[in-house]
Amino acid sequence: VITKETTKIRLLTDAKTKKSRGMAFVELSTPEAMYECLKMHLTHLDGRRLNVERTTGGGKAAKKSKISSFRESQSAYISQTVDQILSDHMKNGDIMEGELDEGVIALCKRHSAQVVEHALKEYAEEKKVRKERKEELGEKEEEEMR
């Protein structure tokens, strides 16, 4: 649970204007809280996309290496999550194998699971509506031919 007692937030501000730079560092007391926050990576808040990433202390070289490792791990997690979402939609019959090209799949992997889930549900609904309209038109054409 994220509370005032378990969370420290340091907003980055411009030294001259004292206005927010749009970034913050968040310290969390438990790994569970950290993973809940990491799930918010690539989600949207008030019309802006959030980037939630782990960081680390230490020297510049060590820090760079650790951050790179964290980013790779986070990207792998997002990729696996999106693959699972796509697999679930295929099992449900919402989309067919090969229906989405690699470009669409790559685009999905640049967004949060919530965004991908919503987009695929919307796509499946629109696809269903188009199919029903097509069937209705086909029936009308058959009746006109008789």
Protein backbone atom coordinates (compact mmCIF):
# COMPACT_ATOMS: atom_id res chain seq x y z
CA VAL A 1 0.00 0.00 0.00
CA ILE A 2 1.29 3.42 -0.92
CA THR A 3 0.92 5.95 1.91
CA LYS A 4 2.73 9.02 3.21
CA GLU A 5 4.58 6.78 5.66
CA THR A 6 5.82 4.32 3.01
CA THR A 7 6.64 6.82 0.26
CA LYS A 8 9.05 9.72 -0.21
CA ILE A 9 8.64 11.94 -3.27
CA ARG A 10 11.20 14.49 -4.44
CA LEU A 11 9.93 16.74 -7.25
CA LEU A 12 12.56 18.16 -9.54
CA THR A 13 12.17 21.91 -9.98
CA ASP A 14 13.89 24.57 -12.02
CA ALA A 15 16.41 26.39 -9.79
CA LYS A 16 15.44 29.85 -11.07
CA THR A 17 11.68 29.63 -11.55
CA LYS A 18 10.99 26.99 -8.87
CA LYS A 19 8.49 25.40 -11.29
CA SER A 20 8.28 21.65 -11.69
CA ARG A 21 10.41 20.10 -14.43
CA GLY A 22 7.79 17.35 -14.82
CA MET A 23 9.93 14.69 -13.13
CA ALA A 24 10.21 13.24 -9.66
CA PHE A 25 12.13 10.64 -7.72
CA VAL A 26 10.04 8.31 -5.58
CA GLU A 27 11.42 6.17 -2.77
CA LEU A 28 9.24 3.27 -1.65
CA SER A 29 9.66 1.23 1.49
CA THR A 30 8.62 -2.15 0.05
CA PRO A 31 9.32 -4.06 -3.17
CA GLU A 32 5.56 -4.66 -3.55
CA ALA A 33 4.92 -0.92 -3.69
CA MET A 34 7.73 -0.50 -6.21
CA TYR A 35 6.27 -3.16 -8.52
CA GLU A 36 2.82 -1.60 -8.27
CA CYS A 37 4.33 1.73 -9.34
CA LEU A 38 6.30 0.11 -12.18
CA LYS A 39 3.00 -1.18 -13.59
CA MET A 40 2.10 2.45 -14.24
CA HIS A 41 4.94 2.77 -16.79
CA LEU A 42 3.62 4.13 -20.11
CA THR A 43 0.15 4.89 -18.71
CA HIS A 44 -1.43 8.33 -19.01
CA LEU A 45 -2.29 10.86 -16.32
CA ASP A 46 -3.96 14.19 -17.08
CA GLY A 47 -3.13 13.81 -20.77
CA ARG A 48 0.57 13.11 -20.22
CA ARG A 49 2.38 9.80 -20.56
CA LEU A 50 4.11 8.51 -17.44
CA ASN A 51 7.52 6.91 -17.54
CA VAL A 52 8.14 4.93 -14.37
CA GLU A 53 11.61 3.43 -14.18
CA ARG A 54 13.90 2.10 -11.51
CA THR A 55 17.07 4.03 -10.77
CA THR A 56 20.15 3.35 -8.72
CA GLY A 57 22.91 5.12 -6.86
CA GLY A 58 26.65 4.67 -7.25
CA GLY A 59 29.30 5.84 -9.66
CA LYS A 60 28.38 6.98 -13.15
CA ALA A 61 29.50 3.82 -14.98
CA ALA A 62 27.90 1.42 -12.48
CA LYS A 63 24.74 3.50 -12.40
CA LYS A 64 24.47 3.52 -16.20
CA SER A 65 24.91 -0.25 -16.36
CA LYS A 66 22.31 -0.92 -13.66
CA ILE A 67 19.76 1.45 -15.21
CA SER A 68 20.29 -0.22 -18.59
CA SER A 69 19.71 -3.60 -16.97
CA PHE A 70 16.55 -2.34 -15.23
CA ARG A 71 15.20 -0.95 -18.51
CA GLU A 72 15.87 -4.24 -20.32
CA SER A 73 14.10 -6.13 -17.55
CA GLN A 74 11.14 -3.76 -17.63
CA SER A 75 10.90 -3.96 -21.44
CA ALA A 76 11.00 -7.77 -21.27
CA TYR A 77 8.19 -7.72 -18.69
CA ILE A 78 6.05 -5.42 -20.86
CA SER A 79 6.76 -7.58 -23.93
CA GLN A 80 5.74 -10.76 -22.09
CA THR A 81 2.60 -9.09 -20.75
CA VAL A 82 1.55 -7.88 -24.21
CA ASP A 83 2.30 -11.34 -25.68
CA GLN A 84 0.01 -12.85 -23.03
CA ILE A 85 -2.74 -10.33 -23.78
CA LEU A 86 -2.48 -11.10 -27.51
CA SER A 87 -2.53 -14.84 -26.79
CA ASP A 88 -5.64 -14.47 -24.64
CA HIS A 89 -7.43 -12.55 -27.40
CA MET A 90 -6.46 -15.25 -29.91
CA LYS A 91 -7.79 -17.99 -27.61
CA ASN A 92 -11.06 -16.06 -27.25
CA GLY A 93 -11.33 -15.76 -31.03
CA ASP A 94 -11.19 -11.95 -30.95
CA ILE A 95 -8.16 -11.93 -33.25
CA MET A 96 -6.66 -14.58 -35.48
CA GLU A 97 -3.05 -15.75 -35.69
CA GLY A 98 -1.19 -13.42 -38.07
CA GLU A 99 -4.00 -10.84 -38.12
CA LEU A 100 -1.77 -8.21 -36.51
CA ASP A 101 1.49 -7.50 -38.28
CA GLU A 102 4.84 -7.06 -36.50
CA GLY A 103 4.54 -3.26 -36.65
CA VAL A 104 1.26 -3.31 -34.73
CA ILE A 105 2.65 -5.75 -32.18
CA ALA A 106 5.77 -3.59 -31.72
CA LEU A 107 3.53 -0.55 -31.23
CA CYS A 108 1.53 -2.44 -28.59
CA LYS A 109 4.76 -3.21 -26.73
CA ARG A 110 5.43 0.52 -26.40
CA HIS A 111 2.26 1.02 -24.33
CA SER A 112 0.98 -0.14 -20.99
CA ALA A 113 -1.00 -3.35 -20.59
CA GLN A 114 -4.14 -1.34 -19.81
CA VAL A 115 -3.86 0.64 -23.05
CA VAL A 116 -3.21 -2.51 -25.11
CA GLU A 117 -6.10 -4.38 -23.48
CA HIS A 118 -8.49 -1.49 -24.12
CA ALA A 119 -7.34 -1.06 -27.73
CA LEU A 120 -7.73 -4.77 -28.50
CA LYS A 121 -11.21 -4.89 -26.96
CA GLU A 122 -12.21 -1.88 -29.03
CA TYR A 123 -10.71 -3.46 -32.16
CA ALA A 124 -12.55 -6.74 -31.54
CA GLU A 125 -15.87 -4.92 -31.02
CA GLU A 126 -15.43 -2.89 -34.21
CA LYS A 127 -14.49 -6.04 -36.11
CA LYS A 128 -17.65 -7.76 -34.83
CA VAL A 129 -19.83 -4.80 -35.88
CA ARG A 130 -18.28 -4.77 -39.39
CA LYS A 131 -18.89 -8.53 -39.74
CA GLU A 132 -22.53 -8.15 -38.70
CA ARG A 133 -23.05 -5.28 -41.17
CA LYS A 134 -21.45 -7.30 -43.93
CA GLU A 135 -23.73 -10.26 -43.18
CA GLU A 136 -26.79 -7.97 -43.16
CA LEU A 137 -25.80 -6.53 -46.53
CA GLY A 138 -25.25 -10.03 -47.90
CA GLU A 139 -28.73 -11.11 -46.78
CA LYS A 140 -30.32 -8.02 -48.35
CA GLU A 141 -28.55 -8.69 -51.66
CA GLU A 142 -29.77 -12.30 -51.62
CA GLU A 143 -33.37 -11.19 -51.03
CA GLU A 144 -33.14 -8.66 -53.86
CA MET A 145 -31.88 -11.37 -56.26
CA ARG A 146 -34.92 -13.58 -55.51
